[in-house]
Amino acid sequence: MEPGPTLAWLLLLSLLADCLKAAQSRDFTVKDIVYLHPSTTPYPGGFKCFTCEKAADNYECNRWAPDIYCPRETRYCYTQHTMEVTGNSISVTKRCVPLEECLSTGCRDSEHEGHKVCTSCCEGNICNLPLPRNETDATFATTSPINQTNGHPHCMSVIVSCLWVWLGLTL
């Protein structure tokens, strides 16, 4: 048998397998986010989060999440996942939030018997792709100091003070 037809069959089978695998997947991957992330932002430090209210599961939330920037007064992406004891999702809520809404992440038993609620926060563009399912996932992940402010007035005064002291010592 010639290598041409064999190679063609292998390529066709490989393509078919990829299509089947893609059809079975019910969740987003990091590759999917590339299409959601434009190169310009409406304001410095602008970011997006997946956003939804009480979606049935993570796929439904991420699939229908509006592609909009978070308000300027927010800084983190918040996720609340309510699930059965078996781990099956009951509801998923995701949104943009200020620091105050991220101070009590973790998992707790719900008022409804047999339900668990896990909450997580993260900092970064569309960082709330996965769901928190346990204490390991239900964290507050930040890339910068929590007490950092947008204007940095305190930092600037400390730098200027240090500069004056240094100049006074060297003269």
Protein backbone atom coordinates (compact mmCIF):
# COMPACT_ATOMS: atom_id res chain seq x y z
CA MET A 1 0.00 0.00 0.00
CA GLU A 2 1.31 3.42 -0.89
CA PRO A 3 2.14 5.85 1.97
CA GLY A 4 -0.14 8.54 0.48
CA PRO A 5 -3.53 6.89 1.17
CA THR A 6 -2.40 5.61 4.55
CA LEU A 7 -1.26 9.06 5.58
CA ALA A 8 -4.51 10.58 4.34
CA TRP A 9 -6.53 8.07 6.41
CA LEU A 10 -4.46 8.82 9.51
CA LEU A 11 -4.95 12.55 9.09
CA LEU A 12 -8.69 12.09 8.54
CA LEU A 13 -9.02 9.88 11.64
CA SER A 14 -6.99 12.35 13.70
CA LEU A 15 -9.22 15.22 12.57
CA LEU A 16 -12.34 13.20 13.35
CA ALA A 17 -11.03 12.33 16.84
CA ASP A 18 -10.32 16.01 17.55
CA CYS A 19 -13.84 16.95 16.47
CA LEU A 20 -15.37 14.30 18.72
CA LYS A 21 -13.24 15.36 21.67
CA ALA A 22 -14.23 19.00 21.16
CA ALA A 23 -17.90 18.09 20.91
CA GLN A 24 -17.77 16.26 24.27
CA SER A 25 -16.14 19.09 26.22
CA ARG A 26 -18.63 21.16 28.29
CA ASP A 27 -16.28 23.69 29.77
CA PHE A 28 -14.03 26.50 28.67
CA THR A 29 -10.27 26.26 28.53
CA VAL A 30 -7.57 28.88 28.81
CA LYS A 31 -7.27 28.78 24.99
CA ASP A 32 -10.88 29.97 24.71
CA ILE A 33 -10.02 33.08 26.72
CA VAL A 34 -7.61 34.30 24.04
CA TYR A 35 -10.64 35.26 21.97
CA LEU A 36 -12.16 37.21 24.88
CA HIS A 37 -9.14 39.37 25.68
CA PRO A 38 -8.73 42.46 23.49
CA SER A 39 -5.49 44.42 23.41
CA THR A 40 -6.89 47.76 24.66
CA THR A 41 -8.72 48.65 27.88
CA PRO A 42 -11.15 51.51 28.62
CA TYR A 43 -9.00 52.70 31.55
CA PRO A 44 -5.52 51.86 32.93
CA GLY A 45 -5.62 48.52 34.71
CA GLY A 46 -9.00 47.64 33.17
CA PHE A 47 -9.94 43.96 33.41
CA LYS A 48 -12.79 41.54 32.76
CA CYS A 49 -14.34 38.75 34.82
CA PHE A 50 -16.78 36.03 33.88
CA THR A 51 -20.12 37.30 35.21
CA CYS A 52 -23.43 35.51 35.82
CA GLU A 53 -26.12 35.20 38.49
CA LYS A 54 -27.21 31.75 39.64
CA ALA A 55 -26.31 29.88 36.45
CA ALA A 56 -26.94 26.12 36.48
CA ASP A 57 -23.24 25.24 36.14
CA ASN A 58 -19.86 26.66 35.15
CA TYR A 59 -20.38 26.03 31.46
CA GLU A 60 -23.68 27.92 31.38
CA CYS A 61 -22.13 30.80 33.30
CA ASN A 62 -19.02 31.16 31.17
CA ARG A 63 -20.89 30.52 27.92
CA TRP A 64 -23.31 33.42 28.40
CA ALA A 65 -21.06 35.79 30.37
CA PRO A 66 -21.18 39.30 28.89
CA ASP A 67 -17.89 40.44 27.41
CA ILE A 68 -17.61 43.77 29.27
CA TYR A 69 -15.03 45.46 31.46
CA CYS A 70 -15.45 45.57 35.22
CA PRO A 71 -16.34 48.91 36.84
CA ARG A 72 -13.39 51.04 37.83
CA GLU A 73 -14.18 50.74 41.57
CA THR A 74 -13.78 46.93 41.49
CA ARG A 75 -10.52 45.04 41.54
CA TYR A 76 -11.25 41.30 41.78
CA CYS A 77 -13.22 38.51 40.15
CA TYR A 78 -15.57 36.71 42.58
CA THR A 79 -17.03 33.21 42.22
CA GLN A 80 -19.61 31.52 44.44
CA HIS A 81 -20.36 27.86 43.75
CA THR A 82 -23.26 26.07 45.46
CA MET A 83 -23.16 22.29 45.04
CA GLU A 84 -24.61 19.03 46.28
CA VAL A 85 -22.58 16.69 48.48
CA THR A 86 -21.80 14.72 45.32
CA GLY A 87 -20.14 17.79 43.80
CA ASN A 88 -22.84 18.46 41.21
CA SER A 89 -23.45 22.16 40.70
CA ILE A 90 -26.67 23.75 41.91
CA SER A 91 -25.79 27.36 41.09
CA VAL A 92 -22.84 29.49 40.01
CA THR A 93 -22.51 33.25 40.53
CA LYS A 94 -19.57 35.25 39.18
CA ARG A 95 -19.00 39.01 39.21
CA CYS A 96 -16.56 41.90 39.57
CA VAL A 97 -16.14 42.99 43.20
CA PRO A 98 -14.18 45.35 45.48
CA LEU A 99 -11.82 44.02 48.16
CA GLU A 100 -14.50 43.88 50.88
CA GLU A 101 -16.38 41.06 49.13
CA CYS A 102 -13.24 38.89 48.98
CA LEU A 103 -12.38 38.83 52.68
CA SER A 104 -14.30 35.64 53.49
CA THR A 105 -13.38 33.04 50.89
CA GLY A 106 -13.56 29.32 51.60
CA CYS A 107 -16.23 26.64 51.87
CA ARG A 108 -19.14 26.26 54.30
CA ASP A 109 -22.19 24.09 54.68
CA SER A 110 -25.31 25.75 53.33
CA GLU A 111 -28.58 26.30 55.16
CA HIS A 112 -30.06 23.67 52.83
CA GLU A 113 -29.22 20.18 53.97
CA GLY A 114 -26.57 18.50 51.92
CA HIS A 115 -25.42 21.63 50.09
CA LYS A 116 -21.97 23.22 50.25
CA VAL A 117 -21.05 26.77 49.19
CA CYS A 118 -17.49 27.59 48.12
CA THR A 119 -16.35 31.15 47.41
CA SER A 120 -13.16 32.33 45.73
CA CYS A 121 -11.66 35.60 44.49
CA CYS A 122 -8.84 36.28 42.09
CA GLU A 123 -7.05 39.24 40.57
CA GLY A 124 -6.40 39.36 36.86
CA ASN A 125 -8.13 39.42 33.52
CA ILE A 126 -10.80 36.70 33.26
CA CYS A 127 -9.12 34.80 36.10
CA ASN A 128 -12.36 33.24 37.41
CA LEU A 129 -12.63 30.52 34.77
CA PRO A 130 -12.64 27.48 37.14
CA LEU A 131 -15.05 26.82 40.00
CA PRO A 132 -14.04 26.42 43.64
CA ARG A 133 -15.06 22.90 44.69
CA ASN A 134 -13.16 22.49 47.98
CA GLU A 135 -11.02 24.41 50.49
CA THR A 136 -7.99 24.11 48.20
CA ASP A 137 -9.80 25.89 45.35
CA ALA A 138 -11.77 28.37 47.50
CA THR A 139 -9.02 30.94 47.97
CA PHE A 140 -8.25 34.61 47.53
CA ALA A 141 -5.52 34.81 44.87
CA THR A 142 -4.03 38.27 44.43
CA THR A 143 -1.01 39.40 42.45
CA SER A 144 -0.43 42.63 44.36
CA PRO A 145 -0.53 43.76 48.01
CA ILE A 146 -4.08 43.95 49.36
CA ASN A 147 -3.58 47.39 50.96
CA GLN A 148 -2.39 48.93 47.67
CA THR A 149 -4.48 51.90 46.51
CA ASN A 150 -4.91 53.27 43.02
CA GLY A 151 -3.47 56.70 43.78
CA HIS A 152 -0.49 55.56 45.91
CA PRO A 153 -0.36 58.88 47.86
CA HIS A 154 1.20 57.25 50.93
CA CYS A 155 3.89 55.51 48.87
CA MET A 156 4.85 58.74 47.18
CA SER A 157 5.19 60.59 50.50
CA VAL A 158 7.41 57.82 51.89
CA ILE A 159 9.62 57.93 48.79
CA VAL A 160 9.93 61.72 48.95
CA SER A 161 10.74 61.56 52.69
CA CYS A 162 13.42 58.93 52.12
CA LEU A 163 14.88 60.99 49.28
CA TRP A 164 15.10 64.09 51.55
CA VAL A 165 16.80 62.07 54.29
CA TRP A 166 19.25 60.56 51.82
CA LEU A 167 20.05 63.98 50.32
CA GLY A 168 20.53 65.44 53.81
CA LEU A 169 22.97 62.68 54.74
CA THR A 170 25.03 62.94 51.56
CA LEU A 171 25.44 66.73 51.55
